[in-house]
Amino acid sequence: MQNVKKYMVEFQIPYPFPMELEELIPEQRVAVHDLFLEEKLLSYTLAFDRSKLWAIFLAEEESELITLIDKLPMSAYLHYDYSEIMFHETIQYIPSMSQN
């Protein structure tokens, strides 16, 4: 996986939210879960006002990125833009264990 690049994808969600899009939410969740399991998706974030989604994808080239985006059932309804990024850092909080 040494040639893998990271891409930030910003999806614009239409307003008003179309009923066809709402019906795709369960399929979208499964597809996102699968991409996490395949280690092709690092993060997936929805804006509080539900106007945008941001996702960090791993792909060897832009054509693979587009293929991954196309796996998302909602992508046909969303406008998106992407950029190759240098890095993406996160921290996961691990709850501390109580000694009591």
PDB file of N, CA and C in Angstrom:
ATOM      1  N   MET A   1       0.814  -1.198   0.000  1.00  0.00           N
ATOM      2  CA  MET A   1       0.000   0.000   0.000  1.00  0.00           C
ATOM      3  C   MET A   1       0.855   1.259   0.000  1.00  0.00           C
ATOM      4  N   GLN A   2       2.065   1.190  -0.487  1.00  0.00           N
ATOM      5  CA  GLN A   2       2.952   2.350  -0.432  1.00  0.00           C
ATOM      6  C   GLN A   2       2.600   3.419  -1.457  1.00  0.00           C
ATOM      7  N   ASN A   3       1.880   3.098  -2.521  1.00  0.00           N
ATOM      8  CA  ASN A   3       1.493   4.084  -3.526  1.00  0.00           C
ATOM      9  C   ASN A   3       0.119   4.685  -3.267  1.00  0.00           C
ATOM     10  N   VAL A   4      -0.438   4.415  -2.105  1.00  0.00           N
ATOM     11  CA  VAL A   4      -1.783   4.892  -1.800  1.00  0.00           C
ATOM     12  C   VAL A   4      -1.741   6.383  -1.475  1.00  0.00           C
ATOM     13  N   LYS A   5      -2.713   7.093  -2.048  1.00  0.00           N
ATOM     14  CA  LYS A   5      -2.856   8.528  -1.804  1.00  0.00           C
ATOM     15  C   LYS A   5      -4.109   8.746  -0.978  1.00  0.00           C
ATOM     16  N   LYS A   6      -4.134   9.865  -0.279  1.00  0.00           N
ATOM     17  CA  LYS A   6      -5.309  10.240   0.497  1.00  0.00           C
ATOM     18  C   LYS A   6      -6.035  11.360  -0.230  1.00  0.00           C
ATOM     19  N   TYR A   7      -7.361  11.262  -0.264  1.00  0.00           N
ATOM     20  CA  TYR A   7      -8.185  12.280  -0.910  1.00  0.00           C
ATOM     21  C   TYR A   7      -9.282  12.737   0.044  1.00  0.00           C
ATOM     22  N   MET A   8      -9.448  14.040   0.142  1.00  0.00           N
ATOM     23  CA  MET A   8     -10.575  14.621   0.871  1.00  0.00           C
ATOM     24  C   MET A   8     -11.670  14.883  -0.154  1.00  0.00           C
ATOM     25  N   VAL A   9     -12.845  14.323   0.092  1.00  0.00           N
ATOM     26  CA  VAL A   9     -13.986  14.517  -0.802  1.00  0.00           C
ATOM     27  C   VAL A   9     -15.050  15.291  -0.030  1.00  0.00           C
ATOM     28  N   GLU A  10     -15.524  16.379  -0.654  1.00  0.00           N
ATOM     29  CA  GLU A  10     -16.602  17.162  -0.065  1.00  0.00           C
ATOM     30  C   GLU A  10     -17.841  16.997  -0.942  1.00  0.00           C
ATOM     31  N   PHE A  11     -18.888  16.445  -0.348  1.00  0.00           N
ATOM     32  CA  PHE A  11     -20.154  16.229  -1.041  1.00  0.00           C
ATOM     33  C   PHE A  11     -21.135  17.330  -0.646  1.00  0.00           C
ATOM     34  N   GLN A  12     -21.806  17.915  -1.626  1.00  0.00           N
ATOM     35  CA  GLN A  12     -22.869  18.890  -1.379  1.00  0.00           C
ATOM     36  C   GLN A  12     -24.197  18.140  -1.388  1.00  0.00           C
ATOM     37  N   ILE A  13     -24.959  18.260  -0.313  1.00  0.00           N
ATOM     38  CA  ILE A  13     -26.243  17.582  -0.204  1.00  0.00           C
ATOM     39  C   ILE A  13     -27.344  18.550  -0.650  1.00  0.00           C
ATOM     40  N   PRO A  14     -28.203  18.120  -1.557  1.00  0.00           N
ATOM     41  CA  PRO A  14     -29.239  19.030  -2.060  1.00  0.00           C
ATOM     42  C   PRO A  14     -30.258  19.416  -0.981  1.00  0.00           C
ATOM     43  N   TYR A  15     -30.763  20.620  -1.121  1.00  0.00           N
ATOM     44  CA  TYR A  15     -31.837  21.093  -0.258  1.00  0.00           C
ATOM     45  C   TYR A  15     -32.927  21.657  -1.148  1.00  0.00           C
ATOM     46  N   PRO A  16     -34.159  21.269  -0.983  1.00  0.00           N
ATOM     47  CA  PRO A  16     -34.639  20.309   0.010  1.00  0.00           C
ATOM     48  C   PRO A  16     -34.172  18.889  -0.302  1.00  0.00           C
ATOM     49  N   PHE A  17     -34.099  18.095   0.740  1.00  0.00           N
ATOM     50  CA  PHE A  17     -33.601  16.728   0.655  1.00  0.00           C
ATOM     51  C   PHE A  17     -34.617  15.856  -0.086  1.00  0.00           C
ATOM     52  N   PRO A  18     -34.260  15.340  -1.277  1.00  0.00           N
ATOM     53  CA  PRO A  18     -35.214  14.537  -2.063  1.00  0.00           C
ATOM     54  C   PRO A  18     -35.576  13.211  -1.380  1.00  0.00           C
ATOM     55  N   MET A  19     -36.799  12.796  -1.529  1.00  0.00           N
ATOM     56  CA  MET A  19     -37.287  11.541  -0.947  1.00  0.00           C
ATOM     57  C   MET A  19     -36.464  10.354  -1.460  1.00  0.00           C
ATOM     58  N   GLU A  20     -36.081  10.382  -2.762  1.00  0.00           N
ATOM     59  CA  GLU A  20     -35.274   9.269  -3.305  1.00  0.00           C
ATOM     60  C   GLU A  20     -33.960   9.123  -2.550  1.00  0.00           C
ATOM     61  N   LEU A  21     -33.417  10.253  -2.122  1.00  0.00           N
ATOM     62  CA  LEU A  21     -32.150  10.239  -1.388  1.00  0.00           C
ATOM     63  C   LEU A  21     -32.359   9.647   0.007  1.00  0.00           C
ATOM     64  N   GLU A  22     -33.441  10.034   0.637  1.00  0.00           N
ATOM     65  CA  GLU A  22     -33.747   9.518   1.972  1.00  0.00           C
ATOM     66  C   GLU A  22     -33.901   7.996   1.952  1.00  0.00           C
ATOM     67  N   GLU A  23     -34.495   7.480   0.892  1.00  0.00           N
ATOM     68  CA  GLU A  23     -34.695   6.038   0.780  1.00  0.00           C
ATOM     69  C   GLU A  23     -33.383   5.278   0.611  1.00  0.00           C
ATOM     70  N   LEU A  24     -32.322   5.979   0.190  1.00  0.00           N
ATOM     71  CA  LEU A  24     -31.016   5.338  -0.009  1.00  0.00           C
ATOM     72  C   LEU A  24     -30.150   5.309   1.257  1.00  0.00           C
ATOM     73  N   ILE A  25     -30.595   5.943   2.333  1.00  0.00           N
ATOM     74  CA  ILE A  25     -29.766   6.023   3.548  1.00  0.00           C
ATOM     75  C   ILE A  25     -29.337   4.650   4.052  1.00  0.00           C
ATOM     76  N   PRO A  26     -30.221   3.647   4.172  1.00  0.00           N
ATOM     77  CA  PRO A  26     -29.743   2.332   4.650  1.00  0.00           C
ATOM     78  C   PRO A  26     -28.671   1.716   3.742  1.00  0.00           C
ATOM     79  N   GLU A  27     -28.840   1.827   2.425  1.00  0.00           N
ATOM     80  CA  GLU A  27     -27.832   1.296   1.497  1.00  0.00           C
ATOM     81  C   GLU A  27     -26.516   2.063   1.614  1.00  0.00           C
ATOM     82  N   GLN A  28     -26.624   3.366   1.815  1.00  0.00           N
ATOM     83  CA  GLN A  28     -25.434   4.207   1.968  1.00  0.00           C
ATOM     84  C   GLN A  28     -24.647   3.766   3.205  1.00  0.00           C
ATOM     85  N   ARG A  29     -25.346   3.533   4.293  1.00  0.00           N
ATOM     86  CA  ARG A  29     -24.679   3.106   5.539  1.00  0.00           C
ATOM     87  C   ARG A  29     -23.924   1.795   5.341  1.00  0.00           C
ATOM     88  N   VAL A  30     -24.533   0.856   4.632  1.00  0.00           N
ATOM     89  CA  VAL A  30     -23.871  -0.427   4.362  1.00  0.00           C
ATOM     90  C   VAL A  30     -22.629  -0.209   3.500  1.00  0.00           C
ATOM     91  N   ALA A  31     -22.746   0.615   2.459  1.00  0.00           N
ATOM     92  CA  ALA A  31     -21.614   0.879   1.563  1.00  0.00           C
ATOM     93  C   ALA A  31     -20.471   1.567   2.312  1.00  0.00           C
ATOM     94  N   VAL A  32     -20.806   2.521   3.178  1.00  0.00           N
ATOM     95  CA  VAL A  32     -19.772   3.201   3.980  1.00  0.00           C
ATOM     96  C   VAL A  32     -19.091   2.196   4.899  1.00  0.00           C
ATOM     97  N   HIS A  33     -19.873   1.372   5.554  1.00  0.00           N
ATOM     98  CA  HIS A  33     -19.318   0.334   6.438  1.00  0.00           C
ATOM     99  C   HIS A  33     -18.360  -0.583   5.667  1.00  0.00           C
ATOM    100  N   ASP A  34     -18.777  -1.009   4.482  1.00  0.00           N
ATOM    101  CA  ASP A  34     -17.937  -1.880   3.656  1.00  0.00           C
ATOM    102  C   ASP A  34     -16.622  -1.198   3.270  1.00  0.00           C
ATOM    103  N   LEU A  35     -16.684   0.090   2.921  1.00  0.00           N
ATOM    104  CA  LEU A  35     -15.454   0.820   2.557  1.00  0.00           C
ATOM    105  C   LEU A  35     -14.520   0.966   3.755  1.00  0.00           C
ATOM    106  N   PHE A  36     -15.078   1.131   4.957  1.00  0.00           N
ATOM    107  CA  PHE A  36     -14.235   1.139   6.160  1.00  0.00           C
ATOM    108  C   PHE A  36     -13.561  -0.222   6.338  1.00  0.00           C
ATOM    109  N   LEU A  37     -14.321  -1.297   6.166  1.00  0.00           N
ATOM    110  CA  LEU A  37     -13.757  -2.641   6.324  1.00  0.00           C
ATOM    111  C   LEU A  37     -12.677  -2.928   5.285  1.00  0.00           C
ATOM    112  N   GLU A  38     -12.856  -2.388   4.072  1.00  0.00           N
ATOM    113  CA  GLU A  38     -11.871  -2.561   2.998  1.00  0.00           C
ATOM    114  C   GLU A  38     -10.660  -1.645   3.175  1.00  0.00           C
ATOM    115  N   GLU A  39     -10.706  -0.802   4.205  1.00  0.00           N
ATOM    116  CA  GLU A  39      -9.658   0.190   4.479  1.00  0.00           C
ATOM    117  C   GLU A  39      -9.471   1.154   3.307  1.00  0.00           C
ATOM    118  N   LYS A  40     -10.568   1.486   2.656  1.00  0.00           N
ATOM    119  CA  LYS A  40     -10.575   2.467   1.571  1.00  0.00           C
ATOM    120  C   LYS A  40     -11.143   3.805   2.043  1.00  0.00           C
ATOM    121  N   LEU A  41     -11.771   3.813   3.211  1.00  0.00           N
ATOM    122  CA  LEU A  41     -12.364   5.007   3.785  1.00  0.00           C
ATOM    123  C   LEU A  41     -11.811   5.195   5.193  1.00  0.00           C
ATOM    124  N   LEU A  42     -11.268   6.387   5.474  1.00  0.00           N
ATOM    125  CA  LEU A  42     -10.704   6.670   6.792  1.00  0.00           C
ATOM    126  C   LEU A  42     -11.668   7.431   7.690  1.00  0.00           C
ATOM    127  N   SER A  43     -12.463   8.318   7.089  1.00  0.00           N
ATOM    128  CA  SER A  43     -13.418   9.077   7.888  1.00  0.00           C
ATOM    129  C   SER A  43     -14.600   9.472   7.025  1.00  0.00           C
ATOM    130  N   TYR A  44     -15.714   9.749   7.721  1.00  0.00           N
ATOM    131  CA  TYR A  44     -16.964  10.068   7.052  1.00  0.00           C
ATOM    132  C   TYR A  44     -17.729  10.971   8.005  1.00  0.00           C
ATOM    133  N   THR A  45     -17.941  12.214   7.616  1.00  0.00           N
ATOM    134  CA  THR A  45     -18.471  13.223   8.530  1.00  0.00           C
ATOM    135  C   THR A  45     -19.604  13.999   7.883  1.00  0.00           C
ATOM    136  N   LEU A  46     -20.693  14.177   8.615  1.00  0.00           N
ATOM    137  CA  LEU A  46     -21.850  14.926   8.153  1.00  0.00           C
ATOM    138  C   LEU A  46     -21.922  16.254   8.894  1.00  0.00           C
ATOM    139  N   ALA A  47     -22.102  17.352   8.155  1.00  0.00           N
ATOM    140  CA  ALA A  47     -22.267  18.668   8.765  1.00  0.00           C
ATOM    141  C   ALA A  47     -23.543  18.691   9.603  1.00  0.00           C
ATOM    142  N   PHE A  48     -23.531  19.475  10.673  1.00  0.00           N
ATOM    143  CA  PHE A  48     -24.681  19.556  11.566  1.00  0.00           C
ATOM    144  C   PHE A  48     -25.951  19.968  10.829  1.00  0.00           C
ATOM    145  N   ASP A  49     -25.821  20.885   9.866  1.00  0.00           N
ATOM    146  CA  ASP A  49     -26.997  21.339   9.121  1.00  0.00           C
ATOM    147  C   ASP A  49     -27.348  20.417   7.955  1.00  0.00           C
ATOM    148  N   ARG A  50     -26.616  19.314   7.833  1.00  0.00           N
ATOM    149  CA  ARG A  50     -26.848  18.277   6.812  1.00  0.00           C
ATOM    150  C   ARG A  50     -26.700  18.793   5.383  1.00  0.00           C
ATOM    151  N   SER A  51     -25.859  19.804   5.212  1.00  0.00           N
ATOM    152  CA  SER A  51     -25.647  20.375   3.883  1.00  0.00           C
ATOM    153  C   SER A  51     -24.446  19.769   3.167  1.00  0.00           C
ATOM    154  N   LYS A  52     -23.536  19.153   3.936  1.00  0.00           N
ATOM    155  CA  LYS A  52     -22.313  18.601   3.361  1.00  0.00           C
ATOM    156  C   LYS A  52     -21.905  17.324   4.067  1.00  0.00           C
ATOM    157  N   LEU A  53     -21.210  16.503   3.314  1.00  0.00           N
ATOM    158  CA  LEU A  53     -20.521  15.325   3.845  1.00  0.00           C
ATOM    159  C   LEU A  53     -19.053  15.472   3.489  1.00  0.00           C
ATOM    160  N   TRP A  54     -18.178  15.085   4.405  1.00  0.00           N
ATOM    161  CA  TRP A  54     -16.751  15.041   4.102  1.00  0.00           C
ATOM    162  C   TRP A  54     -16.269  13.614   4.321  1.00  0.00           C
ATOM    163  N   ALA A  55     -15.409  13.157   3.437  1.00  0.00           N
ATOM    164  CA  ALA A  55     -14.881  11.798   3.560  1.00  0.00           C
ATOM    165  C   ALA A  55     -13.409  11.800   3.152  1.00  0.00           C
ATOM    166  N   ILE A  56     -12.631  10.979   3.844  1.00  0.00           N
ATOM    167  CA  ILE A  56     -11.236  10.767   3.480  1.00  0.00           C
ATOM    168  C   ILE A  56     -11.134   9.355   2.907  1.00  0.00           C
ATOM    169  N   PHE A  57     -10.736   9.286   1.644  1.00  0.00           N
ATOM    170  CA  PHE A  57     -10.581   8.018   0.938  1.00  0.00           C
ATOM    171  C   PHE A  57      -9.110   7.709   0.718  1.00  0.00           C
ATOM    172  N   LEU A  58      -8.795   6.427   0.620  1.00  0.00           N
ATOM    173  CA  LEU A  58      -7.470   5.960   0.215  1.00  0.00           C
ATOM    174  C   LEU A  58      -7.601   5.320  -1.155  1.00  0.00           C
ATOM    175  N   ALA A  59      -6.781   5.776  -2.100  1.00  0.00           N
ATOM    176  CA  ALA A  59      -6.820   5.233  -3.463  1.00  0.00           C
ATOM    177  C   ALA A  59      -5.452   5.419  -4.100  1.00  0.00           C
ATOM    178  N   GLU A  60      -5.117   4.531  -5.012  1.00  0.00           N
ATOM    179  CA  GLU A  60      -3.824   4.624  -5.692  1.00  0.00           C
ATOM    180  C   GLU A  60      -3.811   5.704  -6.757  1.00  0.00           C
ATOM    181  N   GLU A  61      -4.982   6.011  -7.336  1.00  0.00           N
ATOM    182  CA  GLU A  61      -5.067   7.054  -8.361  1.00  0.00           C
ATOM    183  C   GLU A  61      -6.489   7.600  -8.406  1.00  0.00           C
ATOM    184  N   GLU A  62      -6.673   8.696  -9.116  1.00  0.00           N
ATOM    185  CA  GLU A  62      -7.976   9.352  -9.180  1.00  0.00           C
ATOM    186  C   GLU A  62      -9.069   8.446  -9.736  1.00  0.00           C
ATOM    187  N   SER A  63      -8.741   7.633 -10.718  1.00  0.00           N
ATOM    188  CA  SER A  63      -9.764   6.744 -11.295  1.00  0.00           C
ATOM    189  C   SER A  63     -10.294   5.764 -10.247  1.00  0.00           C
ATOM    190  N   GLU A  64      -9.421   5.278  -9.371  1.00  0.00           N
ATOM    191  CA  GLU A  64      -9.884   4.393  -8.294  1.00  0.00           C
ATOM    192  C   GLU A  64     -10.760   5.178  -7.318  1.00  0.00           C
ATOM    193  N   LEU A  65     -10.383   6.412  -7.027  1.00  0.00           N
ATOM    194  CA  LEU A  65     -11.203   7.252  -6.150  1.00  0.00           C
ATOM    195  C   LEU A  65     -12.619   7.392  -6.695  1.00  0.00           C
ATOM    196  N   ILE A  66     -12.733   7.690  -7.983  1.00  0.00           N
ATOM    197  CA  ILE A  66     -14.054   7.849  -8.604  1.00  0.00           C
ATOM    198  C   ILE A  66     -14.847   6.548  -8.506  1.00  0.00           C
ATOM    199  N   THR A  67     -14.190   5.425  -8.703  1.00  0.00           N
ATOM    200  CA  THR A  67     -14.856   4.126  -8.568  1.00  0.00           C
ATOM    201  C   THR A  67     -15.371   3.924  -7.150  1.00  0.00           C
ATOM    202  N   LEU A  68     -14.569   4.309  -6.166  1.00  0.00           N
ATOM    203  CA  LEU A  68     -14.992   4.184  -4.767  1.00  0.00           C
ATOM    204  C   LEU A  68     -16.179   5.090  -4.472  1.00  0.00           C
ATOM    205  N   ILE A  69     -16.127   6.319  -4.961  1.00  0.00           N
ATOM    206  CA  ILE A  69     -17.243   7.250  -4.760  1.00  0.00           C
ATOM    207  C   ILE A  69     -18.510   6.688  -5.401  1.00  0.00           C
ATOM    208  N   ASP A  70     -18.361   6.106  -6.577  1.00  0.00           N
ATOM    209  CA  ASP A  70     -19.516   5.542  -7.282  1.00  0.00           C
ATOM    210  C   ASP A  70     -20.138   4.356  -6.545  1.00  0.00           C
ATOM    211  N   LYS A  71     -19.395   3.733  -5.624  1.00  0.00           N
ATOM    212  CA  LYS A  71     -19.946   2.641  -4.817  1.00  0.00           C
ATOM    213  C   LYS A  71     -20.972   3.149  -3.806  1.00  0.00           C
ATOM    214  N   LEU A  72     -20.951   4.454  -3.535  1.00  0.00           N
ATOM    215  CA  LEU A  72     -21.894   5.028  -2.581  1.00  0.00           C
ATOM    216  C   LEU A  72     -23.223   5.295  -3.294  1.00  0.00           C
ATOM    217  N   PRO A  73     -24.302   4.665  -2.849  1.00  0.00           N
ATOM    218  CA  PRO A  73     -25.584   4.803  -3.535  1.00  0.00           C
ATOM    219  C   PRO A  73     -26.063   6.250  -3.689  1.00  0.00           C
ATOM    220  N   MET A  74     -25.725   7.107  -2.740  1.00  0.00           N
ATOM    221  CA  MET A  74     -26.187   8.496  -2.789  1.00  0.00           C
ATOM    222  C   MET A  74     -25.377   9.368  -3.742  1.00  0.00           C
ATOM    223  N   SER A  75     -24.235   8.899  -4.174  1.00  0.00           N
ATOM    224  CA  SER A  75     -23.332   9.762  -4.955  1.00  0.00           C
ATOM    225  C   SER A  75     -23.955  10.272  -6.254  1.00  0.00           C
ATOM    226  N   ALA A  76     -24.902   9.534  -6.813  1.00  0.00           N
ATOM    227  CA  ALA A  76     -25.555   9.978  -8.050  1.00  0.00           C
ATOM    228  C   ALA A  76     -26.390  11.243  -7.829  1.00  0.00           C
ATOM    229  N   TYR A  77     -26.754  11.523  -6.575  1.00  0.00           N
ATOM    230  CA  TYR A  77     -27.584  12.681  -6.248  1.00  0.00           C
ATOM    231  C   TYR A  77     -26.781  13.851  -5.679  1.00  0.00           C
ATOM    232  N   LEU A  78     -25.501  13.628  -5.427  1.00  0.00           N
ATOM    233  CA  LEU A  78     -24.678  14.629  -4.752  1.00  0.00           C
ATOM    234  C   LEU A  78     -23.636  15.210  -5.703  1.00  0.00           C
ATOM    235  N   HIS A  79     -23.419  16.500  -5.589  1.00  0.00           N
ATOM    236  CA  HIS A  79     -22.286  17.116  -6.274  1.00  0.00           C
ATOM    237  C   HIS A  79     -21.094  16.971  -5.339  1.00  0.00           C
ATOM    238  N   TYR A  80     -19.932  16.734  -5.902  1.00  0.00           N
ATOM    239  CA  TYR A  80     -18.762  16.604  -5.043  1.00  0.00           C
ATOM    240  C   TYR A  80     -17.527  17.183  -5.712  1.00  0.00           C
ATOM    241  N   ASP A  81     -16.553  17.472  -4.867  1.00  0.00           N
ATOM    242  CA  ASP A  81     -15.241  17.912  -5.306  1.00  0.00           C
ATOM    243  C   ASP A  81     -14.238  17.195  -4.416  1.00  0.00           C
ATOM    244  N   TYR A  82     -13.035  17.023  -4.907  1.00  0.00           N
ATOM    245  CA  TYR A  82     -12.024  16.324  -4.109  1.00  0.00           C
ATOM    246  C   TYR A  82     -10.656  16.937  -4.324  1.00  0.00           C
ATOM    247  N   SER A  83      -9.798  16.686  -3.345  1.00  0.00           N
ATOM    248  CA  SER A  83      -8.409  17.128  -3.416  1.00  0.00           C
ATOM    249  C   SER A  83      -7.527  16.043  -2.835  1.00  0.00           C
ATOM    250  N   GLU A  84      -6.386  15.848  -3.434  1.00  0.00           N
ATOM    251  CA  GLU A  84      -5.402  14.966  -2.812  1.00  0.00           C
ATOM    252  C   GLU A  84      -4.848  15.719  -1.617  1.00  0.00           C
ATOM    253  N   ILE A  85      -4.709  15.034  -0.491  1.00  0.00           N
ATOM    254  CA  ILE A  85      -4.208  15.690   0.716  1.00  0.00           C
ATOM    255  C   ILE A  85      -2.879  15.087   1.141  1.00  0.00           C
ATOM    256  N   MET A  86      -2.107  15.893   1.833  1.00  0.00           N
ATOM    257  CA  MET A  86      -0.786  15.453   2.309  1.00  0.00           C
ATOM    258  C   MET A  86      -0.919  14.478   3.480  1.00  0.00           C
ATOM    259  N   PHE A  87      -1.781  14.836   4.442  1.00  0.00           N
ATOM    260  CA  PHE A  87      -1.957  13.966   5.599  1.00  0.00           C
ATOM    261  C   PHE A  87      -3.335  14.179   6.205  1.00  0.00           C
ATOM    262  N   HIS A  88      -3.711  13.226   7.025  1.00  0.00           N
ATOM    263  CA  HIS A  88      -4.975  13.272   7.771  1.00  0.00           C
ATOM    264  C   HIS A  88      -4.687  12.637   9.118  1.00  0.00           C
ATOM    265  N   GLU A  89      -4.778  13.441  10.159  1.00  0.00           N
ATOM    266  CA  GLU A  89      -4.488  12.939  11.501  1.00  0.00           C
ATOM    267  C   GLU A  89      -5.745  12.963  12.337  1.00  0.00           C
ATOM    268  N   THR A  90      -5.915  11.946  13.152  1.00  0.00           N
ATOM    269  CA  THR A  90      -7.037  11.879  14.078  1.00  0.00           C
ATOM    270  C   THR A  90      -6.546  11.297  15.387  1.00  0.00           C
ATOM    271  N   ILE A  91      -7.369  11.450  16.385  1.00  0.00           N
ATOM    272  CA  ILE A  91      -7.094  10.812  17.666  1.00  0.00           C
ATOM    273  C   ILE A  91      -8.367  10.095  18.087  1.00  0.00           C
ATOM    274  N   GLN A  92      -8.206   8.918  18.600  1.00  0.00           N
ATOM    275  CA  GLN A  92      -9.339   8.182  19.120  1.00  0.00           C
ATOM    276  C   GLN A  92      -9.231   8.196  20.634  1.00  0.00           C
ATOM    277  N   TYR A  93     -10.283   8.613  21.260  1.00  0.00           N
ATOM    278  CA  TYR A  93     -10.287   8.654  22.716  1.00  0.00           C
ATOM    279  C   TYR A  93     -10.660   7.277  23.253  1.00  0.00           C
ATOM    280  N   ILE A  94      -9.812   6.789  24.125  1.00  0.00           N
ATOM    281  CA  ILE A  94     -10.045   5.487  24.748  1.00  0.00           C
ATOM    282  C   ILE A  94     -10.472   5.758  26.183  1.00  0.00           C
ATOM    283  N   PRO A  95     -11.646   5.296  26.564  1.00  0.00           N
ATOM    284  CA  PRO A  95     -12.092   5.559  27.944  1.00  0.00           C
ATOM    285  C   PRO A  95     -11.146   4.947  28.952  1.00  0.00           C
ATOM    286  N   SER A  96     -10.881   5.686  30.014  1.00  0.00           N
ATOM    287  CA  SER A  96      -9.992   5.159  31.058  1.00  0.00           C
ATOM    288  C   SER A  96     -10.744   4.161  31.918  1.00  0.00           C
ATOM    289  N   MET A  97     -10.023   3.174  32.356  1.00  0.00           N
ATOM    290  CA  MET A  97     -10.601   2.144  33.200  1.00  0.00           C
ATOM    291  C   MET A  97     -10.572   2.630  34.644  1.00  0.00           C
ATOM    292  N   SER A  98     -11.650   2.405  35.346  1.00  0.00           N
ATOM    293  CA  SER A  98     -11.725   2.769  36.761  1.00  0.00           C
ATOM    294  C   SER A  98     -11.060   1.687  37.587  1.00  0.00           C
ATOM    295  N   GLN A  99     -10.291   2.103  38.573  1.00  0.00           N
ATOM    296  CA  GLN A  99      -9.631   1.160  39.485  1.00  0.00           C
ATOM    297  C   GLN A  99     -10.586   0.699  40.580  1.00  0.00           C
ATOM    298  N   ASN A 100     -11.740   1.297  40.666  1.00  0.00           N
ATOM    299  CA  ASN A 100     -12.698   0.954  41.737  1.00  0.00           C
ATOM    300  C   ASN A 100     -13.457  -0.299  41.426  1.00  0.00           C
TER     301      ASN A 100
END
